[in-house]
N, C-alpha and C. Protein backbone atom coordinates (compact mmCIF):
# COMPACT_ATOMS: atom_id res chain seq x y z
N UNK A 1 16.68 4.79 14.38
CA UNK A 1 15.42 4.21 14.44
C UNK A 1 14.43 5.19 13.64
N UNK A 2 13.62 4.74 12.74
CA UNK A 2 12.95 5.67 11.73
C UNK A 2 11.30 6.05 12.59
N UNK A 3 10.79 6.94 11.65
CA UNK A 3 9.59 7.56 12.39
C UNK A 3 8.73 6.30 12.79
N UNK A 4 8.50 5.41 11.36
CA UNK A 4 7.63 4.14 11.51
C UNK A 4 7.78 3.15 12.67
N UNK A 5 9.10 2.99 12.88
CA UNK A 5 9.51 2.21 13.92
C UNK A 5 9.29 2.70 15.35
N UNK A 6 9.39 3.99 15.55
CA UNK A 6 9.05 4.54 16.88
C UNK A 6 7.52 4.51 17.15
N UNK A 7 6.90 4.87 15.93
CA UNK A 7 5.31 4.65 16.05
C UNK A 7 4.92 3.39 16.54
N UNK A 8 5.38 2.14 15.68
CA UNK A 8 5.00 1.00 15.90
C UNK A 8 5.25 0.54 17.48
N UNK A 9 6.68 1.05 17.66
CA UNK A 9 6.63 0.68 19.25
C UNK A 9 5.72 1.26 20.23
N UNK A 10 5.67 2.36 19.81
CA UNK A 10 4.37 3.18 20.62
C UNK A 10 3.12 2.61 20.62
N UNK A 11 2.71 2.06 19.53
CA UNK A 11 1.26 1.31 19.31
C UNK A 11 1.45 0.18 20.18
N UNK A 12 2.50 -0.54 20.11
CA UNK A 12 2.58 -1.83 21.18
C UNK A 12 2.43 -1.43 22.48
N UNK A 13 2.84 -0.13 22.86
CA UNK A 13 2.82 -0.09 24.55
C UNK A 13 1.30 0.56 24.66
N UNK A 14 0.63 0.77 23.66
CA UNK A 14 -0.77 1.09 24.19
C UNK A 14 -1.44 2.34 23.60
N UNK A 15 -0.39 3.10 22.78
CA UNK A 15 -1.02 4.26 22.31
C UNK A 15 -1.28 4.00 21.02
N UNK A 16 -2.98 4.78 20.92
CA UNK A 16 -3.87 4.71 19.84
C UNK A 16 -3.52 5.56 18.42
N UNK A 17 -3.31 5.17 17.38
CA UNK A 17 -2.93 5.64 16.22
C UNK A 17 -3.93 6.33 15.63
N UNK A 18 -3.67 7.94 15.15
CA UNK A 18 -4.74 8.46 14.38
C UNK A 18 -4.79 8.16 13.07
N UNK A 19 -6.27 8.51 12.41
CA UNK A 19 -6.47 8.13 10.87
C UNK A 19 -5.00 8.38 10.05
N UNK A 20 -4.59 9.56 10.24
CA UNK A 20 -3.64 9.74 9.25
C UNK A 20 -2.13 9.17 9.49
N UNK A 21 -2.11 8.77 10.59
CA UNK A 21 -0.73 8.09 11.18
C UNK A 21 -0.84 6.37 10.58
N UNK A 22 -2.09 6.15 10.61
CA UNK A 22 -2.49 4.72 10.00
C UNK A 22 -2.26 4.55 8.51
N UNK A 23 -2.85 5.64 7.86
CA UNK A 23 -2.43 5.78 6.38
C UNK A 23 -1.09 5.84 6.11
N UNK A 24 -0.29 6.47 6.99
CA UNK A 24 0.85 6.62 6.48
C UNK A 24 1.65 5.34 6.84
N UNK A 25 1.58 4.61 7.91
CA UNK A 25 2.21 3.23 8.26
C UNK A 25 1.84 2.28 7.21
N UNK A 26 0.76 2.55 6.48
CA UNK A 26 0.36 1.33 5.71
C UNK A 26 1.36 1.29 4.40
N UNK A 27 1.93 2.54 4.13
CA UNK A 27 2.56 2.70 2.88
C UNK A 27 4.22 2.00 3.53
N UNK A 28 4.48 1.70 4.53
CA UNK A 28 5.97 1.34 5.13
C UNK A 28 5.66 -0.07 4.82
N UNK A 29 4.75 -0.77 4.53
CA UNK A 29 4.48 -2.13 4.36
C UNK A 29 5.48 -2.38 2.98
N UNK A 30 6.46 -3.37 3.02
CA UNK A 30 7.07 -3.84 1.65
C UNK A 30 6.08 -4.46 0.60
N UNK A 31 5.41 -5.19 1.28
CA UNK A 31 4.15 -6.03 0.30
C UNK A 31 3.45 -4.97 -0.46
N UNK A 32 3.00 -3.83 0.02
CA UNK A 32 2.22 -2.83 -0.45
C UNK A 32 2.97 -2.37 -1.37
N UNK A 33 4.46 -1.86 -1.16
CA UNK A 33 4.99 -0.91 -2.09
C UNK A 33 5.32 -1.54 -3.22
N UNK A 34 5.79 -3.00 -3.06
CA UNK A 34 5.85 -3.86 -4.14
C UNK A 34 4.88 -3.88 -5.03
N UNK A 35 3.67 -4.20 -4.59
CA UNK A 35 2.46 -4.20 -5.40
C UNK A 35 1.89 -2.91 -6.26
N UNK A 36 2.41 -1.92 -5.59
CA UNK A 36 2.15 -0.47 -6.13
C UNK A 36 3.14 -0.48 -7.24
N UNK A 37 4.39 -0.73 -7.00
CA UNK A 37 5.07 -0.56 -8.09
C UNK A 37 4.73 -1.47 -9.39
N UNK A 38 4.56 -2.41 -9.08
CA UNK A 38 4.08 -3.21 -10.02
C UNK A 38 2.83 -2.85 -11.00
N UNK A 39 2.11 -2.27 -9.83
CA UNK A 39 0.70 -1.93 -10.55
C UNK A 39 1.17 -0.52 -11.41
N UNK A 40 1.76 0.16 -11.06
CA UNK A 40 2.18 1.29 -11.75
C UNK A 40 2.69 1.38 -13.06
N UNK A 41 3.59 -0.02 -13.11
CA UNK A 41 4.15 -0.28 -14.29
C UNK A 41 3.34 -0.86 -15.40
N UNK A 42 2.73 -2.09 -14.82
CA UNK A 42 1.29 -2.62 -15.67
C UNK A 42 0.48 -1.38 -16.01
N UNK A 43 0.03 -0.21 -15.16
CA UNK A 43 -0.94 0.77 -15.95
C UNK A 43 -0.27 1.67 -16.66
N UNK A 44 1.28 1.66 -16.66
CA UNK A 44 1.83 2.76 -17.79
C UNK A 44 1.99 1.84 -19.15
N UNK A 45 2.06 0.65 -19.07
CA UNK A 45 2.28 -0.27 -20.16
C UNK A 45 0.62 -0.47 -20.63
N UNK A 46 -0.04 -0.65 -20.01
CA UNK A 46 -1.70 -0.63 -20.51
C UNK A 46 -2.07 0.63 -21.24
N UNK A 47 -1.68 1.86 -20.76
CA UNK A 47 -1.78 3.01 -21.34
C UNK A 47 -1.22 3.21 -22.58
N UNK A 48 0.11 2.53 -22.64
CA UNK A 48 0.85 2.49 -23.91
C UNK A 48 0.30 1.78 -24.91
N UNK A 49 -0.16 0.62 -24.81
CA UNK A 49 -0.95 -0.15 -26.03
C UNK A 49 -2.23 -0.30 -25.66
N UNK A 50 -2.79 0.59 -25.01
CA UNK A 50 -4.47 0.75 -24.93
C UNK A 50 -5.02 -0.20 -24.67
N UNK A 51 -4.63 -1.19 -23.63
CA UNK A 51 -5.38 -2.02 -23.17
C UNK A 51 -6.13 -1.91 -22.01
N UNK A 52 -7.31 -1.79 -22.02
CA UNK A 52 -8.12 -1.60 -20.79
C UNK A 52 -8.15 -2.65 -19.71
N UNK A 53 -7.90 -3.95 -20.09
CA UNK A 53 -7.91 -4.99 -19.21
C UNK A 53 -6.59 -5.06 -18.51
N UNK A 54 -5.36 -4.32 -19.15
CA UNK A 54 -4.33 -4.12 -17.92
C UNK A 54 -4.34 -3.21 -17.09
N UNK A 55 -4.99 -2.26 -17.52
CA UNK A 55 -5.02 -0.85 -16.87
C UNK A 55 -6.06 -1.56 -15.58
N UNK A 56 -7.19 -2.20 -16.07
CA UNK A 56 -8.22 -2.57 -14.77
C UNK A 56 -7.33 -3.82 -13.73
N UNK A 57 -6.77 -4.51 -14.45
CA UNK A 57 -6.12 -5.20 -13.46
C UNK A 57 -5.11 -4.67 -12.75
N UNK A 58 -4.62 -3.99 -13.15
CA UNK A 58 -3.47 -3.21 -12.29
C UNK A 58 -3.99 -2.36 -11.34
N UNK A 59 -5.09 -1.86 -11.51
CA UNK A 59 -5.72 -0.95 -10.53
C UNK A 59 -6.35 -1.97 -9.35
N UNK A 60 -7.18 -3.09 -9.73
CA UNK A 60 -7.20 -4.30 -8.86
C UNK A 60 -6.07 -4.38 -7.98
N UNK A 61 -5.14 -4.82 -8.84
CA UNK A 61 -3.82 -5.38 -7.99
C UNK A 61 -3.36 -4.32 -7.04
N UNK A 62 -3.42 -3.26 -7.04
CA UNK A 62 -2.91 -2.15 -5.99
C UNK A 62 -4.07 -1.93 -4.91
N UNK A 63 -5.64 -2.18 -5.43
CA UNK A 63 -6.42 -2.09 -4.39
C UNK A 63 -6.50 -3.41 -3.52
N UNK A 64 -6.18 -4.38 -4.06
CA UNK A 64 -5.98 -5.65 -3.25
C UNK A 64 -4.61 -5.35 -2.32
N UNK A 65 -3.63 -4.81 -2.77
CA UNK A 65 -2.75 -4.37 -1.77
C UNK A 65 -2.82 -3.65 -0.54
N UNK A 66 -3.92 -2.80 -0.63
CA UNK A 66 -4.39 -1.89 0.34
C UNK A 66 -5.33 -2.77 1.08
N UNK A 67 -6.33 -3.37 0.67
CA UNK A 67 -6.90 -4.26 1.43
C UNK A 67 -6.17 -5.23 2.12
N UNK A 68 -5.11 -6.00 1.69
CA UNK A 68 -4.23 -6.97 2.50
C UNK A 68 -3.67 -6.35 3.62
N UNK A 69 -3.09 -4.93 3.62
CA UNK A 69 -2.53 -4.18 4.69
C UNK A 69 -3.91 -3.51 5.51
N UNK A 70 -4.84 -3.40 5.28
CA UNK A 70 -5.95 -2.92 6.14
C UNK A 70 -6.39 -4.11 6.81
N UNK A 71 -6.42 -5.23 6.42
CA UNK A 71 -6.91 -6.37 7.18
C UNK A 71 -5.89 -7.00 8.00
N UNK A 72 -4.86 -6.65 7.88
CA UNK A 72 -3.55 -7.18 8.81
C UNK A 72 -3.35 -6.63 9.94
N UNK A 73 -3.15 -7.36 10.96
CA UNK A 73 -3.07 -7.00 12.24
C UNK A 73 -1.76 -6.71 12.50
């Protein structure tokens, strides 16, 4: 059982997570990880071709991934 699984079970039993624990656990979400990887690839490509629209859209994509995790319970 991983650290994240142990913490999630503890939170279900009533333990309150600290701020840093919440930030660590949000990166354990597979959807967020996928959006971050796609965003990083688009940002690198946007820098390569000097496309500011690609860079901004990739930054928005990664930000939306974080917002999704923050609003999900």
